[in-house]
Amino acid sequence: MEFSIRAANLEDCKDIARMILELAEYEKVSEHVKVTQKDLEQDGFSKNPFFHGILAEVPEQHCTKDGHMKIGYALYFYSYSSWKGRCVYMEDLYVMPDFRGHGIGKALMSKVAQLGMAAGCTQLNFTVLDWNKASLDFYLGQGCFDVTADLGYHCMRCEGAALERLAQP
């Protein structure tokens, strides 16, 4: 299947927001999505963006039944490891179901890795749901490994009222 990968721009935020909801529905957590198209525009395309994005597009003859040509995306940002130095974190990797199995997810992930390496990063980090065997197998097939299983780390989070309490002096 013919497709292209390119950097996301401000005009793509509507489609990115649509695909974020599709991903959340697939992961059975759509009620947790609070980010809006406006948030994406502000947070990804301001003077100091919080994230970067890339899109997968197909030509018009391969568009979805709803007319979508933007059929996949990856969001990423740069972070830092006190042990390894510069890192790239892939927040999302998504390809619409009808377009899976054509190398689009691999191309998106490869592009994030290329961009990270060009920025001097030594590792690509991301999370995957434990029940998502297809994605786990895909990532393991790319040479990735499970940090939780191999190194014993746990991914932790603080949010909402707990974050507000933590932020108090």
C-alpha atoms as a PDB file:
ATOM      1  CA  MET A   1       0.000   0.000   0.000  1.00  0.00           C
ATOM      2  CA  GLU A   2       1.249   3.433  -0.877  1.00  0.00           C
ATOM      3  CA  PHE A   3       1.664   5.842   2.065  1.00  0.00           C
ATOM      4  CA  SER A   4       3.886   8.691   3.203  1.00  0.00           C
ATOM      5  CA  ILE A   5       5.213   9.860   6.555  1.00  0.00           C
ATOM      6  CA  ARG A   6       5.614  13.561   7.311  1.00  0.00           C
ATOM      7  CA  ALA A   7       5.896  15.999  10.194  1.00  0.00           C
ATOM      8  CA  ALA A   8       2.563  17.046  11.644  1.00  0.00           C
ATOM      9  CA  ASN A   9       1.505  20.679  11.412  1.00  0.00           C
ATOM     10  CA  LEU A  10      -1.118  22.878  13.045  1.00  0.00           C
ATOM     11  CA  GLU A  11      -3.761  21.973  10.454  1.00  0.00           C
ATOM     12  CA  ASP A  12      -3.384  18.274  11.347  1.00  0.00           C
ATOM     13  CA  CYS A  13      -4.608  18.699  14.934  1.00  0.00           C
ATOM     14  CA  LYS A  14      -8.225  17.886  14.049  1.00  0.00           C
ATOM     15  CA  ASP A  15      -7.149  14.517  12.621  1.00  0.00           C
ATOM     16  CA  ILE A  16      -4.711  13.844  15.458  1.00  0.00           C
ATOM     17  CA  ALA A  17      -7.504  14.517  17.984  1.00  0.00           C
ATOM     18  CA  ARG A  18      -9.759  12.109  16.052  1.00  0.00           C
ATOM     19  CA  MET A  19      -7.123   9.371  16.064  1.00  0.00           C
ATOM     20  CA  ILE A  20      -6.323   9.922  19.765  1.00  0.00           C
ATOM     21  CA  LEU A  21      -9.984   9.138  20.498  1.00  0.00           C
ATOM     22  CA  GLU A  22      -9.860   6.093  18.212  1.00  0.00           C
ATOM     23  CA  LEU A  23      -6.759   4.829  20.038  1.00  0.00           C
ATOM     24  CA  ALA A  24      -8.396   5.422  23.426  1.00  0.00           C
ATOM     25  CA  GLU A  25     -11.506   3.510  22.289  1.00  0.00           C
ATOM     26  CA  TYR A  26      -9.300   0.623  21.136  1.00  0.00           C
ATOM     27  CA  GLU A  27      -7.544   0.659  24.525  1.00  0.00           C
ATOM     28  CA  LYS A  28     -10.956   0.823  26.265  1.00  0.00           C
ATOM     29  CA  VAL A  29     -10.104   4.072  28.088  1.00  0.00           C
ATOM     30  CA  SER A  30     -11.854   6.760  26.011  1.00  0.00           C
ATOM     31  CA  GLU A  31     -13.418   8.303  29.138  1.00  0.00           C
ATOM     32  CA  HIS A  32      -9.903   9.386  30.201  1.00  0.00           C
ATOM     33  CA  VAL A  33      -9.194  11.543  27.123  1.00  0.00           C
ATOM     34  CA  LYS A  34      -9.337  15.205  28.107  1.00  0.00           C
ATOM     35  CA  VAL A  35      -7.086  16.700  25.401  1.00  0.00           C
ATOM     36  CA  THR A  36      -8.878  18.760  22.752  1.00  0.00           C
ATOM     37  CA  GLN A  37      -7.914  19.888  19.291  1.00  0.00           C
ATOM     38  CA  LYS A  38      -7.200  23.330  20.772  1.00  0.00           C
ATOM     39  CA  ASP A  39      -4.883  21.770  23.399  1.00  0.00           C
ATOM     40  CA  LEU A  40      -2.980  19.972  20.642  1.00  0.00           C
ATOM     41  CA  GLU A  41      -2.648  23.182  18.636  1.00  0.00           C
ATOM     42  CA  GLN A  42      -1.333  25.087  21.644  1.00  0.00           C
ATOM     43  CA  ASP A  43       0.866  22.366  23.147  1.00  0.00           C
ATOM     44  CA  GLY A  44       2.382  21.049  19.932  1.00  0.00           C
ATOM     45  CA  PHE A  45       2.727  24.125  17.769  1.00  0.00           C
ATOM     46  CA  SER A  46       3.639  26.997  20.078  1.00  0.00           C
ATOM     47  CA  LYS A  47       7.066  28.598  20.467  1.00  0.00           C
ATOM     48  CA  ASN A  48       8.141  25.902  22.971  1.00  0.00           C
ATOM     49  CA  PRO A  49       6.157  22.771  22.067  1.00  0.00           C
ATOM     50  CA  PHE A  50       5.534  20.048  24.644  1.00  0.00           C
ATOM     51  CA  PHE A  51       5.400  17.370  21.925  1.00  0.00           C
ATOM     52  CA  HIS A  52       6.180  16.705  18.280  1.00  0.00           C
ATOM     53  CA  GLY A  53       4.192  14.599  15.867  1.00  0.00           C
ATOM     54  CA  ILE A  54       4.388  12.748  12.600  1.00  0.00           C
ATOM     55  CA  LEU A  55       1.563  11.518  10.397  1.00  0.00           C
ATOM     56  CA  ALA A  56       0.988   8.674   7.980  1.00  0.00           C
ATOM     57  CA  GLU A  57      -1.084   9.586   4.945  1.00  0.00           C
ATOM     58  CA  VAL A  58      -2.448   7.601   2.050  1.00  0.00           C
ATOM     59  CA  PRO A  59      -3.310   8.926  -1.405  1.00  0.00           C
ATOM     60  CA  GLU A  60      -6.909   9.900  -2.044  1.00  0.00           C
ATOM     61  CA  GLN A  61      -7.684   6.615  -3.835  1.00  0.00           C
ATOM     62  CA  HIS A  62      -6.913   4.730  -0.575  1.00  0.00           C
ATOM     63  CA  CYS A  63      -8.813   7.046   1.801  1.00  0.00           C
ATOM     64  CA  THR A  64     -11.211   5.666   4.390  1.00  0.00           C
ATOM     65  CA  LYS A  65     -14.936   5.363   3.745  1.00  0.00           C
ATOM     66  CA  ASP A  66     -15.256   8.620   5.744  1.00  0.00           C
ATOM     67  CA  GLY A  67     -12.751  10.350   3.455  1.00  0.00           C
ATOM     68  CA  HIS A  68      -9.776  10.361   5.836  1.00  0.00           C
ATOM     69  CA  MET A  69      -6.340  10.345   4.222  1.00  0.00           C
ATOM     70  CA  LYS A  70      -4.480  10.803   7.537  1.00  0.00           C
ATOM     71  CA  ILE A  71      -4.546   7.244   8.860  1.00  0.00           C
ATOM     72  CA  GLY A  72      -1.823   7.037  11.499  1.00  0.00           C
ATOM     73  CA  TYR A  73       0.318   9.136  13.794  1.00  0.00           C
ATOM     74  CA  ALA A  74       3.034   9.117  16.412  1.00  0.00           C
ATOM     75  CA  LEU A  75       3.521  11.720  19.134  1.00  0.00           C
ATOM     76  CA  TYR A  76       6.902  12.022  20.818  1.00  0.00           C
ATOM     77  CA  PHE A  77       8.970  14.306  23.020  1.00  0.00           C
ATOM     78  CA  TYR A  78      12.523  14.470  24.272  1.00  0.00           C
ATOM     79  CA  SER A  79      13.557  13.498  27.785  1.00  0.00           C
ATOM     80  CA  TYR A  80      16.749  12.817  29.668  1.00  0.00           C
ATOM     81  CA  SER A  81      18.206   9.801  31.428  1.00  0.00           C
ATOM     82  CA  SER A  82      20.677  10.443  34.239  1.00  0.00           C
ATOM     83  CA  TRP A  83      22.381   7.198  33.175  1.00  0.00           C
ATOM     84  CA  LYS A  84      22.176   7.346  29.363  1.00  0.00           C
ATOM     85  CA  GLY A  85      21.701  11.008  28.431  1.00  0.00           C
ATOM     86  CA  ARG A  86      19.286  12.147  25.741  1.00  0.00           C
ATOM     87  CA  CYS A  87      16.181  10.042  25.110  1.00  0.00           C
ATOM     88  CA  VAL A  88      13.096  10.207  22.944  1.00  0.00           C
ATOM     89  CA  TYR A  89       9.751   9.153  24.417  1.00  0.00           C
ATOM     90  CA  MET A  90       7.046   7.940  22.047  1.00  0.00           C
ATOM     91  CA  GLU A  91       3.734   8.796  23.692  1.00  0.00           C
ATOM     92  CA  ASP A  92       1.470   7.341  21.000  1.00  0.00           C
ATOM     93  CA  LEU A  93       1.831   5.123  17.950  1.00  0.00           C
ATOM     94  CA  TYR A  94      -1.436   4.497  16.135  1.00  0.00           C
ATOM     95  CA  VAL A  95      -2.547   3.193  12.757  1.00  0.00           C
ATOM     96  CA  MET A  96      -6.225   2.894  11.898  1.00  0.00           C
ATOM     97  CA  PRO A  97      -7.308  -0.786  11.924  1.00  0.00           C
ATOM     98  CA  ASP A  98      -8.013  -1.072   8.180  1.00  0.00           C
ATOM     99  CA  PHE A  99      -4.450   0.060   7.423  1.00  0.00           C
ATOM    100  CA  ARG A 100      -2.538  -2.217   9.787  1.00  0.00           C
ATOM    101  CA  GLY A 101      -0.222  -4.883   8.430  1.00  0.00           C
ATOM    102  CA  HIS A 102       1.200  -2.705   5.636  1.00  0.00           C
ATOM    103  CA  GLY A 103       4.341  -1.454   7.414  1.00  0.00           C
ATOM    104  CA  ILE A 104       2.852   1.902   8.408  1.00  0.00           C
ATOM    105  CA  GLY A 105       3.356   1.419  12.168  1.00  0.00           C
ATOM    106  CA  LYS A 106       6.934   0.279  11.558  1.00  0.00           C
ATOM    107  CA  ALA A 107       7.561   3.325   9.354  1.00  0.00           C
ATOM    108  CA  LEU A 108       6.159   5.700  11.994  1.00  0.00           C
ATOM    109  CA  MET A 109       8.228   4.105  14.765  1.00  0.00           C
ATOM    110  CA  SER A 110      11.315   4.078  12.560  1.00  0.00           C
ATOM    111  CA  LYS A 111      10.883   7.796  11.850  1.00  0.00           C
ATOM    112  CA  VAL A 112      10.626   8.576  15.582  1.00  0.00           C
ATOM    113  CA  ALA A 113      13.830   6.557  16.113  1.00  0.00           C
ATOM    114  CA  GLN A 114      15.564   8.417  13.260  1.00  0.00           C
ATOM    115  CA  LEU A 115      14.536  11.805  14.643  1.00  0.00           C
ATOM    116  CA  GLY A 116      15.680  10.794  18.123  1.00  0.00           C
ATOM    117  CA  MET A 117      19.052   9.587  16.885  1.00  0.00           C
ATOM    118  CA  ALA A 118      19.504  12.785  14.837  1.00  0.00           C
ATOM    119  CA  ALA A 119      18.960  14.693  18.116  1.00  0.00           C
ATOM    120  CA  GLY A 120      21.630  12.602  19.868  1.00  0.00           C
ATOM    121  CA  CYS A 121      19.248  10.286  21.730  1.00  0.00           C
ATOM    122  CA  THR A 122      20.503   6.893  22.860  1.00  0.00           C
ATOM    123  CA  GLN A 123      17.163   5.276  23.649  1.00  0.00           C
ATOM    124  CA  LEU A 124      13.523   5.222  22.616  1.00  0.00           C
ATOM    125  CA  ASN A 125      11.066   4.767  25.480  1.00  0.00           C
ATOM    126  CA  PHE A 126       7.327   4.059  25.398  1.00  0.00           C
ATOM    127  CA  THR A 127       4.637   2.069  27.193  1.00  0.00           C
ATOM    128  CA  VAL A 128       2.277  -0.620  25.946  1.00  0.00           C
ATOM    129  CA  LEU A 129      -0.731  -2.172  27.642  1.00  0.00           C
ATOM    130  CA  ASP A 130      -0.080  -5.620  29.099  1.00  0.00           C
ATOM    131  CA  TRP A 131      -3.122  -7.139  27.341  1.00  0.00           C
ATOM    132  CA  ASN A 132      -2.132  -5.839  23.905  1.00  0.00           C
ATOM    133  CA  LYS A 133      -0.299  -8.951  22.695  1.00  0.00           C
ATOM    134  CA  ALA A 134      -0.236  -7.852  19.046  1.00  0.00           C
ATOM    135  CA  SER A 135       1.571  -4.622  19.949  1.00  0.00           C
ATOM    136  CA  LEU A 136       3.874  -6.362  22.425  1.00  0.00           C
ATOM    137  CA  ASP A 137       4.857  -8.871  19.761  1.00  0.00           C
ATOM    138  CA  PHE A 138       5.385  -6.058  17.239  1.00  0.00           C
ATOM    139  CA  TYR A 139       7.669  -4.108  19.594  1.00  0.00           C
ATOM    140  CA  LEU A 140       9.621  -7.194  20.637  1.00  0.00           C
ATOM    141  CA  GLY A 141      10.062  -7.956  16.941  1.00  0.00           C
ATOM    142  CA  GLN A 142      11.677  -4.549  16.492  1.00  0.00           C
ATOM    143  CA  GLY A 143      14.336  -5.396  19.081  1.00  0.00           C
ATOM    144  CA  CYS A 144      12.641  -3.588  21.970  1.00  0.00           C
ATOM    145  CA  PHE A 145      12.562  -5.108  25.456  1.00  0.00           C
ATOM    146  CA  ASP A 146      10.262  -4.916  28.461  1.00  0.00           C
ATOM    147  CA  VAL A 147      11.980  -2.737  31.063  1.00  0.00           C
ATOM    148  CA  THR A 148       9.446  -3.781  33.700  1.00  0.00           C
ATOM    149  CA  ALA A 149      10.242  -7.466  33.255  1.00  0.00           C
ATOM    150  CA  ASP A 150      13.978  -7.129  32.563  1.00  0.00           C
ATOM    151  CA  LEU A 151      14.975  -4.343  34.970  1.00  0.00           C
ATOM    152  CA  GLY A 152      12.129  -4.373  37.491  1.00  0.00           C
ATOM    153  CA  TYR A 153      11.024  -0.765  36.983  1.00  0.00           C
ATOM    154  CA  HIS A 154       7.438   0.365  37.428  1.00  0.00           C
ATOM    155  CA  CYS A 155       5.919   3.268  35.523  1.00  0.00           C
ATOM    156  CA  MET A 156       4.510   5.612  38.188  1.00  0.00           C
ATOM    157  CA  ARG A 157       2.104   8.544  37.965  1.00  0.00           C
ATOM    158  CA  CYS A 158       0.808  11.317  40.223  1.00  0.00           C
ATOM    159  CA  GLU A 159      -2.222  13.345  39.102  1.00  0.00           C
ATOM    160  CA  GLY A 160      -5.292  15.237  40.220  1.00  0.00           C
ATOM    161  CA  ALA A 161      -5.655  15.954  43.934  1.00  0.00           C
ATOM    162  CA  ALA A 162      -2.517  13.944  44.755  1.00  0.00           C
ATOM    163  CA  LEU A 163      -0.485  16.105  42.352  1.00  0.00           C
ATOM    164  CA  GLU A 164      -1.960  19.268  43.857  1.00  0.00           C
ATOM    165  CA  ARG A 165      -1.039  18.090  47.367  1.00  0.00           C
ATOM    166  CA  LEU A 166       2.459  17.153  46.245  1.00  0.00           C
ATOM    167  CA  ALA A 167       2.944  20.592  44.724  1.00  0.00           C
ATOM    168  CA  GLN A 168       2.188  22.349  48.025  1.00  0.00           C
ATOM    169  CA  PRO A 169       5.320  23.816  49.684  1.00  0.00           C
END
